[in-house]
PDB file of all heavy atoms in Angstrom:
ATOM      1  N   GLY A   1      45.385 -39.036 -47.564  1.00  0.00           N
ATOM      2  CA  GLY A   1      46.217 -39.460 -46.433  1.00  0.00           C
ATOM      3  C   GLY A   1      47.165 -38.362 -45.989  1.00  0.00           C
ATOM      4  O   GLY A   1      47.555 -38.304 -44.830  1.00  0.00           O
ATOM      5  N   ASP A   2      47.557 -37.492 -46.904  1.00  0.00           N
ATOM      6  CA  ASP A   2      48.317 -36.286 -46.577  1.00  0.00           C
ATOM      7  C   ASP A   2      48.141 -35.278 -47.702  1.00  0.00           C
ATOM      8  O   ASP A   2      47.570 -35.588 -48.751  1.00  0.00           O
ATOM      9  CB  ASP A   2      49.793 -36.567 -46.246  1.00  0.00           C
ATOM     10  CG  ASP A   2      50.701 -36.794 -47.443  1.00  0.00           C
ATOM     11  OD1 ASP A   2      50.285 -36.611 -48.601  1.00  0.00           O
ATOM     12  OD2 ASP A   2      51.867 -37.162 -47.225  1.00  0.00           O
ATOM     13  N   GLU A   3      48.613 -34.070 -47.481  1.00  0.00           N
ATOM     14  CA  GLU A   3      48.381 -32.991 -48.442  1.00  0.00           C
ATOM     15  C   GLU A   3      49.278 -33.049 -49.672  1.00  0.00           C
ATOM     16  O   GLU A   3      49.095 -32.265 -50.609  1.00  0.00           O
ATOM     17  CB  GLU A   3      48.563 -31.643 -47.748  1.00  0.00           C
ATOM     18  CG  GLU A   3      49.976 -31.420 -47.232  1.00  0.00           C
ATOM     19  CD  GLU A   3      50.101 -30.167 -46.384  1.00  0.00           C
ATOM     20  OE1 GLU A   3      50.188 -29.073 -46.979  1.00  0.00           O
ATOM     21  OE2 GLU A   3      50.123 -30.306 -45.155  1.00  0.00           O
ATOM     22  N   TYR A   4      50.218 -33.984 -49.721  1.00  0.00           N
ATOM     23  CA  TYR A   4      51.190 -34.008 -50.808  1.00  0.00           C
ATOM     24  C   TYR A   4      50.872 -35.042 -51.878  1.00  0.00           C
ATOM     25  O   TYR A   4      51.549 -35.108 -52.887  1.00  0.00           O
ATOM     26  CB  TYR A   4      52.595 -34.268 -50.249  1.00  0.00           C
ATOM     27  CG  TYR A   4      52.943 -33.284 -49.161  1.00  0.00           C
ATOM     28  CD1 TYR A   4      52.956 -33.669 -47.831  1.00  0.00           C
ATOM     29  CD2 TYR A   4      53.206 -31.952 -49.462  1.00  0.00           C
ATOM     30  CE1 TYR A   4      53.246 -32.748 -46.833  1.00  0.00           C
ATOM     31  CE2 TYR A   4      53.489 -31.033 -48.473  1.00  0.00           C
ATOM     32  CZ  TYR A   4      53.504 -31.440 -47.152  1.00  0.00           C
ATOM     33  OH  TYR A   4      53.774 -30.527 -46.169  1.00  0.00           O
ATOM     34  N   GLN A   5      49.864 -35.860 -51.677  1.00  0.00           N
ATOM     35  CA  GLN A   5      49.544 -36.890 -52.656  1.00  0.00           C
ATOM     36  C   GLN A   5      48.540 -36.397 -53.684  1.00  0.00           C
ATOM     37  O   GLN A   5      47.817 -35.429 -53.456  1.00  0.00           O
ATOM     38  CB  GLN A   5      49.027 -38.160 -51.959  1.00  0.00           C
ATOM     39  CG  GLN A   5      47.806 -37.955 -51.124  1.00  0.00           C
ATOM     40  CD  GLN A   5      47.430 -39.173 -50.286  1.00  0.00           C
ATOM     41  OE1 GLN A   5      46.277 -39.299 -49.972  1.00  0.00           O
ATOM     42  NE2 GLN A   5      48.333 -40.027 -49.914  1.00  0.00           N
ATOM     43  N   THR A   6      48.522 -37.089 -54.824  1.00  0.00           N
ATOM     44  CA  THR A   6      47.574 -36.814 -55.887  1.00  0.00           C
ATOM     45  C   THR A   6      46.714 -38.054 -56.064  1.00  0.00           C
ATOM     46  O   THR A   6      47.241 -39.170 -56.071  1.00  0.00           O
ATOM     47  CB  THR A   6      48.321 -36.535 -57.214  1.00  0.00           C
ATOM     48  OG1 THR A   6      49.213 -35.438 -57.000  1.00  0.00           O
ATOM     49  CG2 THR A   6      47.369 -36.207 -58.333  1.00  0.00           C
ATOM     50  N   VAL A   7      45.403 -37.857 -56.192  1.00  0.00           N
ATOM     51  CA  VAL A   7      44.488 -38.987 -56.351  1.00  0.00           C
ATOM     52  C   VAL A   7      43.721 -38.806 -57.646  1.00  0.00           C
ATOM     53  O   VAL A   7      43.198 -37.723 -57.931  1.00  0.00           O
ATOM     54  CB  VAL A   7      43.502 -39.092 -55.163  1.00  0.00           C
ATOM     55  CG1 VAL A   7      42.592 -40.313 -55.332  1.00  0.00           C
ATOM     56  CG2 VAL A   7      44.247 -39.162 -53.832  1.00  0.00           C
ATOM     57  N   THR A   8      43.667 -39.871 -58.442  1.00  0.00           N
ATOM     58  CA  THR A   8      42.846 -39.860 -59.648  1.00  0.00           C
ATOM     59  C   THR A   8      41.786 -40.954 -59.530  1.00  0.00           C
ATOM     60  O   THR A   8      42.019 -41.984 -58.896  1.00  0.00           O
ATOM     61  CB  THR A   8      43.686 -40.084 -60.926  1.00  0.00           C
ATOM     62  OG1 THR A   8      44.391 -41.319 -60.807  1.00  0.00           O
ATOM     63  CG2 THR A   8      44.665 -38.955 -61.156  1.00  0.00           C
ATOM     64  N   ARG A   9      40.647 -40.698 -60.139  1.00  0.00           N
ATOM     65  CA  ARG A   9      39.534 -41.659 -60.100  1.00  0.00           C
ATOM     66  C   ARG A   9      39.219 -42.095 -61.518  1.00  0.00           C
ATOM     67  O   ARG A   9      39.012 -41.267 -62.407  1.00  0.00           O
ATOM     68  CB  ARG A   9      38.310 -41.011 -59.449  1.00  0.00           C
ATOM     69  CG  ARG A   9      37.075 -41.895 -59.494  1.00  0.00           C
ATOM     70  CD  ARG A   9      35.871 -41.259 -58.826  1.00  0.00           C
ATOM     71  NE  ARG A   9      35.661 -39.909 -59.303  1.00  0.00           N
ATOM     72  CZ  ARG A   9      34.969 -38.997 -58.654  1.00  0.00           C
ATOM     73  NH1 ARG A   9      34.418 -39.274 -57.497  1.00  0.00           N
ATOM     74  NH2 ARG A   9      34.812 -37.788 -59.149  1.00  0.00           N
ATOM     75  N   GLU A  10      39.169 -43.403 -61.713  1.00  0.00           N
ATOM     76  CA  GLU A  10      38.772 -43.977 -63.008  1.00  0.00           C
ATOM     77  C   GLU A  10      37.503 -44.777 -62.761  1.00  0.00           C
ATOM     78  O   GLU A  10      37.448 -45.593 -61.842  1.00  0.00           O
ATOM     79  CB  GLU A  10      39.872 -44.904 -63.543  1.00  0.00           C
ATOM     80  CG  GLU A  10      39.471 -45.670 -64.774  1.00  0.00           C
ATOM     81  CD  GLU A  10      40.413 -46.832 -65.098  1.00  0.00           C
ATOM     82  OE1 GLU A  10      41.504 -46.920 -64.509  1.00  0.00           O
ATOM     83  OE2 GLU A  10      40.019 -47.669 -65.928  1.00  0.00           O
ATOM     84  N   ILE A  11      36.489 -44.512 -63.585  1.00  0.00           N
ATOM     85  CA  ILE A  11      35.239 -45.277 -63.478  1.00  0.00           C
ATOM     86  C   ILE A  11      35.155 -46.168 -64.712  1.00  0.00           C
ATOM     87  O   ILE A  11      35.099 -45.676 -65.844  1.00  0.00           O
ATOM     88  CB  ILE A  11      34.011 -44.348 -63.392  1.00  0.00           C
ATOM     89  CG1 ILE A  11      34.150 -43.420 -62.176  1.00  0.00           C
ATOM     90  CG2 ILE A  11      32.731 -45.185 -63.311  1.00  0.00           C
ATOM     91  CD1 ILE A  11      33.086 -42.350 -62.085  1.00  0.00           C
ATOM     92  N   ARG A  12      35.185 -47.461 -64.466  1.00  0.00           N
ATOM     93  CA  ARG A  12      35.155 -48.418 -65.574  1.00  0.00           C
ATOM     94  C   ARG A  12      33.722 -48.622 -66.061  1.00  0.00           C
ATOM     95  O   ARG A  12      32.761 -48.266 -65.394  1.00  0.00           O
ATOM     96  CB  ARG A  12      35.781 -49.736 -65.131  1.00  0.00           C
ATOM     97  CG  ARG A  12      37.263 -49.572 -64.817  1.00  0.00           C
ATOM     98  CD  ARG A  12      37.918 -50.864 -64.460  1.00  0.00           C
ATOM     99  NE  ARG A  12      39.345 -50.667 -64.191  1.00  0.00           N
ATOM    100  CZ  ARG A  12      40.077 -51.504 -63.508  1.00  0.00           C
ATOM    101  NH1 ARG A  12      39.560 -52.613 -63.004  1.00  0.00           N
ATOM    102  NH2 ARG A  12      41.358 -51.257 -63.322  1.00  0.00           N
ATOM    103  N   GLN A  13      33.595 -49.246 -67.218  1.00  0.00           N
ATOM    104  CA  GLN A  13      32.293 -49.465 -67.851  1.00  0.00           C
ATOM    105  C   GLN A  13      31.324 -50.209 -66.944  1.00  0.00           C
ATOM    106  O   GLN A  13      30.132 -49.917 -66.931  1.00  0.00           O
ATOM    107  CB  GLN A  13      32.491 -50.255 -69.152  1.00  0.00           C
ATOM    108  CG  GLN A  13      31.263 -50.288 -70.009  1.00  0.00           C
ATOM    109  CD  GLN A  13      31.526 -49.700 -71.365  1.00  0.00           C
ATOM    110  OE1 GLN A  13      32.649 -49.466 -71.744  1.00  0.00           O
ATOM    111  NE2 GLN A  13      30.479 -49.438 -72.107  1.00  0.00           N
ATOM    112  N   ASP A  14      31.823 -51.159 -66.160  1.00  0.00           N
ATOM    113  CA  ASP A  14      30.940 -51.938 -65.278  1.00  0.00           C
ATOM    114  C   ASP A  14      30.633 -51.226 -63.959  1.00  0.00           C
ATOM    115  O   ASP A  14      29.990 -51.789 -63.083  1.00  0.00           O
ATOM    116  CB  ASP A  14      31.544 -53.319 -65.002  1.00  0.00           C
ATOM    117  CG  ASP A  14      32.835 -53.264 -64.191  1.00  0.00           C
ATOM    118  OD1 ASP A  14      33.350 -52.154 -63.905  1.00  0.00           O
ATOM    119  OD2 ASP A  14      33.339 -54.347 -63.822  1.00  0.00           O
ATOM    120  N   GLY A  15      31.100 -49.973 -63.807  1.00  0.00           N
ATOM    121  CA  GLY A  15      30.837 -49.215 -62.590  1.00  0.00           C
ATOM    122  C   GLY A  15      31.939 -49.304 -61.548  1.00  0.00           C
ATOM    123  O   GLY A  15      31.918 -48.578 -60.556  1.00  0.00           O
ATOM    124  N   THR A  16      32.883 -50.200 -61.751  1.00  0.00           N
ATOM    125  CA  THR A  16      34.014 -50.324 -60.817  1.00  0.00           C
ATOM    126  C   THR A  16      34.792 -49.020 -60.794  1.00  0.00           C
ATOM    127  O   THR A  16      35.026 -48.402 -61.832  1.00  0.00           O
ATOM    128  CB  THR A  16      34.946 -51.483 -61.245  1.00  0.00           C
ATOM    129  OG1 THR A  16      34.204 -52.702 -61.178  1.00  0.00           O
ATOM    130  CG2 THR A  16      36.167 -51.591 -60.353  1.00  0.00           C
ATOM    131  N   VAL A  17      35.193 -48.607 -59.590  1.00  0.00           N
ATOM    132  CA  VAL A  17      35.950 -47.375 -59.428  1.00  0.00           C
ATOM    133  C   VAL A  17      37.364 -47.728 -58.973  1.00  0.00           C
ATOM    134  O   VAL A  17      37.540 -48.513 -58.034  1.00  0.00           O
ATOM    135  CB  VAL A  17      35.279 -46.434 -58.405  1.00  0.00           C
ATOM    136  CG1 VAL A  17      36.130 -45.201 -58.160  1.00  0.00           C
ATOM    137  CG2 VAL A  17      33.888 -46.041 -58.890  1.00  0.00           C
ATOM    138  N   VAL A  18      38.355 -47.156 -59.650  1.00  0.00           N
ATOM    139  CA  VAL A  18      39.756 -47.343 -59.270  1.00  0.00           C
ATOM    140  C   VAL A  18      40.291 -45.983 -58.833  1.00  0.00           C
ATOM    141  O   VAL A  18      40.241 -45.013 -59.600  1.00  0.00           O
ATOM    142  CB  VAL A  18      40.600 -47.901 -60.440  1.00  0.00           C
ATOM    143  CG1 VAL A  18      42.055 -48.048 -60.027  1.00  0.00           C
ATOM    144  CG2 VAL A  18      40.032 -49.226 -60.925  1.00  0.00           C
ATOM    145  N   LEU A  19      40.774 -45.936 -57.593  1.00  0.00           N
ATOM    146  CA  LEU A  19      41.398 -44.718 -57.068  1.00  0.00           C
ATOM    147  C   LEU A  19      42.900 -44.959 -57.033  1.00  0.00           C
ATOM    148  O   LEU A  19      43.370 -45.867 -56.352  1.00  0.00           O
ATOM    149  CB  LEU A  19      40.887 -44.416 -55.659  1.00  0.00           C
ATOM    150  CG  LEU A  19      39.386 -44.195 -55.514  1.00  0.00           C
ATOM    151  CD1 LEU A  19      39.018 -44.031 -54.053  1.00  0.00           C
ATOM    152  CD2 LEU A  19      38.932 -42.995 -56.338  1.00  0.00           C
ATOM    153  N   LYS A  20      43.636 -44.167 -57.789  1.00  0.00           N
ATOM    154  CA  LYS A  20      45.095 -44.281 -57.815  1.00  0.00           C
ATOM    155  C   LYS A  20      45.666 -43.148 -56.976  1.00  0.00           C
ATOM    156  O   LYS A  20      45.431 -41.978 -57.266  1.00  0.00           O
ATOM    157  CB  LYS A  20      45.639 -44.219 -59.233  1.00  0.00           C
ATOM    158  CG  LYS A  20      47.142 -44.448 -59.313  1.00  0.00           C
ATOM    159  CD  LYS A  20      47.630 -44.518 -60.748  1.00  0.00           C
ATOM    160  CE  LYS A  20      49.115 -44.793 -60.807  1.00  0.00           C
ATOM    161  NZ  LYS A  20      49.591 -44.908 -62.192  1.00  0.00           N
ATOM    162  N   VAL A  21      46.394 -43.527 -55.920  1.00  0.00           N
ATOM    163  CA  VAL A  21      46.973 -42.567 -54.985  1.00  0.00           C
ATOM    164  C   VAL A  21      48.470 -42.498 -55.255  1.00  0.00           C
ATOM    165  O   VAL A  21      49.174 -43.497 -55.124  1.00  0.00           O
ATOM    166  CB  VAL A  21      46.712 -43.002 -53.522  1.00  0.00           C
ATOM    167  CG1 VAL A  21      47.233 -41.956 -52.559  1.00  0.00           C
ATOM    168  CG2 VAL A  21      45.238 -43.277 -53.293  1.00  0.00           C
ATOM    169  N   VAL A  22      48.944 -41.321 -55.637  1.00  0.00           N
ATOM    170  CA  VAL A  22      50.354 -41.145 -55.976  1.00  0.00           C
ATOM    171  C   VAL A  22      50.982 -40.160 -54.986  1.00  0.00           C
ATOM    172  O   VAL A  22      50.630 -38.983 -54.964  1.00  0.00           O
ATOM    173  CB  VAL A  22      50.529 -40.630 -57.424  1.00  0.00           C
ATOM    174  CG1 VAL A  22      52.003 -40.490 -57.776  1.00  0.00           C
ATOM    175  CG2 VAL A  22      49.816 -41.546 -58.410  1.00  0.00           C
ATOM    176  N   PRO A  23      51.922 -40.651 -54.149  1.00  0.00           N
ATOM    177  CA  PRO A  23      52.611 -39.743 -53.232  1.00  0.00           C
ATOM    178  C   PRO A  23      53.698 -38.969 -53.984  1.00  0.00           C
ATOM    179  O   PRO A  23      53.896 -39.186 -55.181  1.00  0.00           O
ATOM    180  CB  PRO A  23      53.233 -40.696 -52.206  1.00  0.00           C
ATOM    181  CG  PRO A  23      53.480 -41.952 -52.979  1.00  0.00           C
ATOM    182  CD  PRO A  23      52.369 -42.025 -53.991  1.00  0.00           C
ATOM    183  N   GLN A  24      54.412 -38.107 -53.281  1.00  0.00           N
ATOM    184  CA  GLN A  24      55.505 -37.373 -53.932  1.00  0.00           C
ATOM    185  C   GLN A  24      56.538 -38.340 -54.502  1.00  0.00           C
ATOM    186  O   GLN A  24      57.088 -38.079 -55.560  1.00  0.00           O
ATOM    187  CB  GLN A  24      56.159 -36.406 -52.949  1.00  0.00           C
ATOM    188  CG  GLN A  24      55.302 -35.197 -52.669  1.00  0.00           C
ATOM    189  CD  GLN A  24      55.948 -34.264 -51.680  1.00  0.00           C
ATOM    190  OE1 GLN A  24      56.439 -34.690 -50.636  1.00  0.00           O
ATOM    191  NE2 GLN A  24      55.943 -32.982 -51.997  1.00  0.00           N
ATOM    192  N   ARG A  25      56.805 -39.436 -53.801  1.00  0.00           N
ATOM    193  CA  ARG A  25      57.662 -40.488 -54.371  1.00  0.00           C
ATOM    194  C   ARG A  25      56.758 -41.382 -55.192  1.00  0.00           C
ATOM    195  O   ARG A  25      56.219 -42.376 -54.719  1.00  0.00           O
ATOM    196  CB  ARG A  25      58.358 -41.296 -53.263  1.00  0.00           C
ATOM    197  CG  ARG A  25      59.563 -40.578 -52.719  1.00  0.00           C
ATOM    198  CD  ARG A  25      60.565 -41.446 -52.014  1.00  0.00           C
ATOM    199  NE  ARG A  25      60.951 -42.634 -52.743  1.00  0.00           N
ATOM    200  CZ  ARG A  25      61.357 -43.745 -52.149  1.00  0.00           C
ATOM    201  NH1 ARG A  25      61.442 -43.825 -50.839  1.00  0.00           N
ATOM    202  NH2 ARG A  25      61.701 -44.794 -52.854  1.00  0.00           N
ATOM    203  N   ALA A  26      56.562 -41.001 -56.446  1.00  0.00           N
ATOM    204  CA  ALA A  26      55.545 -41.582 -57.324  1.00  0.00           C
ATOM    205  C   ALA A  26      55.637 -43.099 -57.492  1.00  0.00           C
ATOM    206  O   ALA A  26      54.622 -43.754 -57.711  1.00  0.00           O
ATOM    207  CB  ALA A  26      55.603 -40.907 -58.691  1.00  0.00           C
ATOM    208  N   GLU A  27      56.820 -43.663 -57.381  1.00  0.00           N
ATOM    209  CA  GLU A  27      56.954 -45.114 -57.572  1.00  0.00           C
ATOM    210  C   GLU A  27      56.267 -45.910 -56.458  1.00  0.00           C
ATOM    211  O   GLU A  27      56.074 -47.111 -56.567  1.00  0.00           O
ATOM    212  CB  GLU A  27      58.436 -45.519 -57.693  1.00  0.00           C
ATOM    213  CG  GLU A  27      59.250 -45.385 -56.423  1.00  0.00           C
ATOM    214  CD  GLU A  27      59.848 -44.000 -56.211  1.00  0.00           C
ATOM    215  OE1 GLU A  27      59.457 -43.036 -56.887  1.00  0.00           O
ATOM    216  OE2 GLU A  27      60.719 -43.890 -55.342  1.00  0.00           O
ATOM    217  N   LEU A  28      55.855 -45.256 -55.393  1.00  0.00           N
ATOM    218  CA  LEU A  28      55.195 -45.922 -54.269  1.00  0.00           C
ATOM    219  C   LEU A  28      53.668 -45.819 -54.352  1.00  0.00           C
ATOM    220  O   LEU A  28      52.986 -45.955 -53.342  1.00  0.00           O
ATOM    221  CB  LEU A  28      55.679 -45.321 -52.944  1.00  0.00           C
ATOM    222  CG  LEU A  28      57.185 -45.399 -52.687  1.00  0.00           C
ATOM    223  CD1 LEU A  28      57.529 -44.707 -51.372  1.00  0.00           C
ATOM    224  CD2 LEU A  28      57.664 -46.834 -52.664  1.00  0.00           C
ATOM    225  N   TYR A  29      53.105 -45.616 -55.546  1.00  0.00           N
ATOM    226  CA  TYR A  29      51.661 -45.414 -55.683  1.00  0.00           C
ATOM    227  C   TYR A  29      50.871 -46.614 -55.168  1.00  0.00           C
ATOM    228  O   TYR A  29      51.391 -47.717 -55.013  1.00  0.00           O
ATOM    229  CB  TYR A  29      51.288 -45.089 -57.129  1.00  0.00           C
ATOM    230  CG  TYR A  29      51.325 -46.275 -58.059  1.00  0.00           C
ATOM    231  CD1 TYR A  29      50.199 -47.057 -58.249  1.00  0.00           C
ATOM    232  CD2 TYR A  29      52.485 -46.608 -58.743  1.00  0.00           C
ATOM    233  CE1 TYR A  29      50.228 -48.156 -59.093  1.00  0.00           C
ATOM    234  CE2 TYR A  29      52.527 -47.693 -59.591  1.00  0.00           C
ATOM    235  CZ  TYR A  29      51.398 -48.457 -59.758  1.00  0.00           C
ATOM    236  OH  TYR A  29      51.436 -49.551 -60.587  1.00  0.00           O
ATOM    237  N   TYR A  30      49.602 -46.372 -54.904  1.00  0.00           N
ATOM    238  CA  TYR A  30      48.696 -47.367 -54.336  1.00  0.00           C
ATOM    239  C   TYR A  30      47.388 -47.271 -55.114  1.00  0.00           C
ATOM    240  O   TYR A  30      46.990 -46.172 -55.512  1.00  0.00           O
ATOM    241  CB  TYR A  30      48.453 -46.987 -52.872  1.00  0.00           C
ATOM    242  CG  TYR A  30      48.299 -48.113 -51.893  1.00  0.00           C
ATOM    243  CD1 TYR A  30      49.382 -48.890 -51.506  1.00  0.00           C
ATOM    244  CD2 TYR A  30      47.065 -48.375 -51.304  1.00  0.00           C
ATOM    245  CE1 TYR A  30      49.249 -49.894 -50.567  1.00  0.00           C
ATOM    246  CE2 TYR A  30      46.921 -49.379 -50.366  1.00  0.00           C
ATOM    247  CZ  TYR A  30      48.011 -50.134 -50.000  1.00  0.00           C
ATOM    248  OH  TYR A  30      47.870 -51.139 -49.073  1.00  0.00           O
ATOM    249  N   GLU A  31      46.716 -48.388 -55.322  1.00  0.00           N
ATOM    250  CA  GLU A  31      45.420 -48.364 -56.000  1.00  0.00           C
ATOM    251  C   GLU A  31      44.368 -49.037 -55.142  1.00  0.00           C
ATOM    252  O   GLU A  31      44.587 -50.122 -54.604  1.00  0.00           O
ATOM    253  CB  GLU A  31      45.488 -49.073 -57.357  1.00  0.00           C
ATOM    254  CG  GLU A  31      46.189 -48.286 -58.412  1.00  0.00           C
ATOM    255  CD  GLU A  31      46.084 -48.916 -59.791  1.00  0.00           C
ATOM    256  OE1 GLU A  31      45.834 -50.124 -59.900  1.00  0.00           O
ATOM    257  OE2 GLU A  31      46.272 -48.183 -60.764  1.00  0.00           O
ATOM    258  N   TYR A  32      43.233 -48.379 -55.028  1.00  0.00           N
ATOM    259  CA  TYR A  32      42.062 -48.941 -54.362  1.00  0.00           C
ATOM    260  C   TYR A  32      41.040 -49.266 -55.439  1.00  0.00           C
ATOM    261  O   TYR A  32      40.831 -48.472 -56.363  1.00  0.00           O
ATOM    262  CB  TYR A  32      41.437 -47.934 -53.398  1.00  0.00           C
ATOM    263  CG  TYR A  32      42.290 -47.593 -52.199  1.00  0.00           C
ATOM    264  CD1 TYR A  32      43.141 -46.504 -52.220  1.00  0.00           C
ATOM    265  CD2 TYR A  32      42.222 -48.357 -51.046  1.00  0.00           C
ATOM    266  CE1 TYR A  32      43.911 -46.169 -51.117  1.00  0.00           C
ATOM    267  CE2 TYR A  32      42.985 -48.038 -49.929  1.00  0.00           C
ATOM    268  CZ  TYR A  32      43.824 -46.942 -49.972  1.00  0.00           C
ATOM    269  OH  TYR A  32      44.585 -46.615 -48.875  1.00  0.00           O
ATOM    270  N   ILE A  33      40.390 -50.424 -55.314  1.00  0.00           N
ATOM    271  CA  ILE A  33      39.375 -50.831 -56.278  1.00  0.00           C
ATOM    272  C   ILE A  33      38.065 -51.034 -55.524  1.00  0.00           C
ATOM    273  O   ILE A  33      38.014 -51.781 -54.547  1.00  0.00           O
ATOM    274  CB  ILE A  33      39.787 -52.131 -57.006  1.00  0.00           C
ATOM    275  CG1 ILE A  33      41.094 -51.886 -57.779  1.00  0.00           C
ATOM    276  CG2 ILE A  33      38.669 -52.612 -57.920  1.00  0.00           C
ATOM    277  CD1 ILE A  33      41.711 -53.135 -58.367  1.00  0.00           C
ATOM    278  N   VAL A  34      37.022 -50.351 -55.979  1.00  0.00           N
ATOM    279  CA  VAL A  34      35.695 -50.473 -55.375  1.00  0.00           C
ATOM    280  C   VAL A  34      34.763 -51.031 -56.455  1.00  0.00           C
ATOM    281  O   VAL A  34      34.514 -50.373 -57.471  1.00  0.00           O
ATOM    282  CB  VAL A  34      35.161 -49.118 -54.861  1.00  0.00           C
ATOM    283  CG1 VAL A  34      33.792 -49.300 -54.213  1.00  0.00           C
ATOM    284  CG2 VAL A  34      36.145 -48.483 -53.882  1.00  0.00           C
ATOM    285  N   ARG A  35      34.289 -52.266 -56.217  1.00  0.00           N
ATOM    286  CA  ARG A  35      33.372 -52.929 -57.162  1.00  0.00           C
ATOM    287  C   ARG A  35      31.955 -52.869 -56.588  1.00  0.00           C
ATOM    288  O   ARG A  35      31.762 -52.945 -55.374  1.00  0.00           O
ATOM    289  CB  ARG A  35      33.768 -54.388 -57.351  1.00  0.00           C
ATOM    290  CG  ARG A  35      35.040 -54.585 -58.117  1.00  0.00           C
ATOM    291  CD  ARG A  35      35.336 -56.088 -58.336  1.00  0.00           C
ATOM    292  NE  ARG A  35      36.573 -56.248 -59.051  1.00  0.00           N
ATOM    293  CZ  ARG A  35      37.783 -56.235 -58.485  1.00  0.00           C
ATOM    294  NH1 ARG A  35      37.890 -56.100 -57.189  1.00  0.00           N
ATOM    295  NH2 ARG A  35      38.875 -56.366 -59.213  1.00  0.00           N
ATOM    296  N   PHE A  36      30.990 -52.797 -57.478  1.00  0.00           N
ATOM    297  CA  PHE A  36      29.599 -52.776 -57.053  1.00  0.00           C
ATOM    298  C   PHE A  36      28.887 -54.002 -57.595  1.00  0.00           C
ATOM    299  O   PHE A  36      29.070 -54.374 -58.753  1.00  0.00           O
ATOM    300  CB  PHE A  36      28.893 -51.512 -57.563  1.00  0.00           C
ATOM    301  CG  PHE A  36      29.457 -50.255 -56.975  1.00  0.00           C
ATOM    302  CD1 PHE A  36      30.340 -49.466 -57.697  1.00  0.00           C
ATOM    303  CD2 PHE A  36      29.120 -49.879 -55.683  1.00  0.00           C
ATOM    304  CE1 PHE A  36      30.862 -48.307 -57.151  1.00  0.00           C
ATOM    305  CE2 PHE A  36      29.649 -48.722 -55.129  1.00  0.00           C
ATOM    306  CZ  PHE A  36      30.521 -47.940 -55.864  1.00  0.00           C
ATOM    307  N   GLU A  37      28.105 -54.625 -56.735  1.00  0.00           N
ATOM    308  CA  GLU A  37      27.267 -55.747 -57.147  1.00  0.00           C
ATOM    309  C   GLU A  37      25.829 -55.390 -56.821  1.00  0.00           C
ATOM    310  O   GLU A  37      25.514 -55.046 -55.681  1.00  0.00           O
ATOM    311  CB  GLU A  37      27.669 -57.033 -56.412  1.00  0.00           C
ATOM    312  CG  GLU A  37      29.003 -57.599 -56.861  1.00  0.00           C
ATOM    313  CD  GLU A  37      29.338 -58.935 -56.199  1.00  0.00           C
ATOM    314  OE1 GLU A  37      28.534 -59.429 -55.382  1.00  0.00           O
ATOM    315  OE2 GLU A  37      30.411 -59.467 -56.505  1.00  0.00           O
ATOM    316  N   LYS A  38      24.995 -55.448 -57.828  1.00  0.00           N
ATOM    317  CA  LYS A  38      23.571 -55.171 -57.628  1.00  0.00           C
ATOM    318  C   LYS A  38      22.882 -56.487 -57.289  1.00  0.00           C
ATOM    319  O   LYS A  38      23.026 -57.469 -58.017  1.00  0.00           O
ATOM    320  CB  LYS A  38      22.949 -54.561 -58.884  1.00  0.00           C
ATOM    321  CG  LYS A  38      23.437 -53.179 -59.194  1.00  0.00           C
ATOM    322  CD  LYS A  38      22.720 -52.645 -60.417  1.00  0.00           C
ATOM    323  CE  LYS A  38      23.202 -51.253 -60.755  1.00  0.00           C
ATOM    324  NZ  LYS A  38      22.517 -50.718 -61.943  1.00  0.00           N
ATOM    325  N   LYS A  39      22.132 -56.478 -56.186  1.00  0.00           N
ATOM    326  CA  LYS A  39      21.364 -57.670 -55.829  1.00  0.00           C
ATOM    327  C   LYS A  39      20.169 -57.758 -56.782  1.00  0.00           C
ATOM    328  O   LYS A  39      19.555 -56.734 -57.099  1.00  0.00           O
ATOM    329  CB  LYS A  39      20.892 -57.607 -54.395  1.00  0.00           C
ATOM    330  CG  LYS A  39      22.002 -57.835 -53.399  1.00  0.00           C
ATOM    331  CD  LYS A  39      21.426 -58.014 -52.023  1.00  0.00           C
ATOM    332  CE  LYS A  39      22.566 -58.315 -51.058  1.00  0.00           C
ATOM    333  NZ  LYS A  39      22.076 -58.569 -49.712  1.00  0.00           N
ATOM    334  N   MET A  40      19.907 -58.936 -57.214  1.00  0.00           N
ATOM    335  CA  MET A  40      18.775 -59.145 -58.109  1.00  0.00           C
ATOM    336  C   MET A  40      17.638 -59.777 -57.295  1.00  0.00           C
ATOM    337  O   MET A  40      17.876 -60.573 -56.394  1.00  0.00           O
ATOM    338  CB  MET A  40      19.156 -60.085 -59.259  1.00  0.00           C
ATOM    339  CG  MET A  40      20.273 -59.554 -60.115  1.00  0.00           C
ATOM    340  SD  MET A  40      19.696 -58.105 -60.964  1.00  0.00           S
ATOM    341  CE  MET A  40      21.144 -57.654 -61.861  1.00  0.00           C
ATOM    342  N   SER A  41      16.453 -59.416 -57.669  1.00  0.00           N
ATOM    343  CA  SER A  41      15.280 -59.988 -56.998  1.00  0.00           C
ATOM    344  C   SER A  41      15.158 -61.464 -57.372  1.00  0.00           C
ATOM    345  O   SER A  41      15.378 -61.853 -58.523  1.00  0.00           O
ATOM    346  CB  SER A  41      14.014 -59.240 -57.419  1.00  0.00           C
ATOM    347  OG  SER A  41      12.876 -59.898 -56.933  1.00  0.00           O
TER     348      SER A  41
END
């Protein structure tokens, strides 16, 4: 979102990805969670 933030990626055992976005004012961090569901036949 800007050049001053730090982003870390955590990949959980089930494939879920958590992106933690930390701005310079670290207490205002934000987390995005991306879950995957595989369609079964």
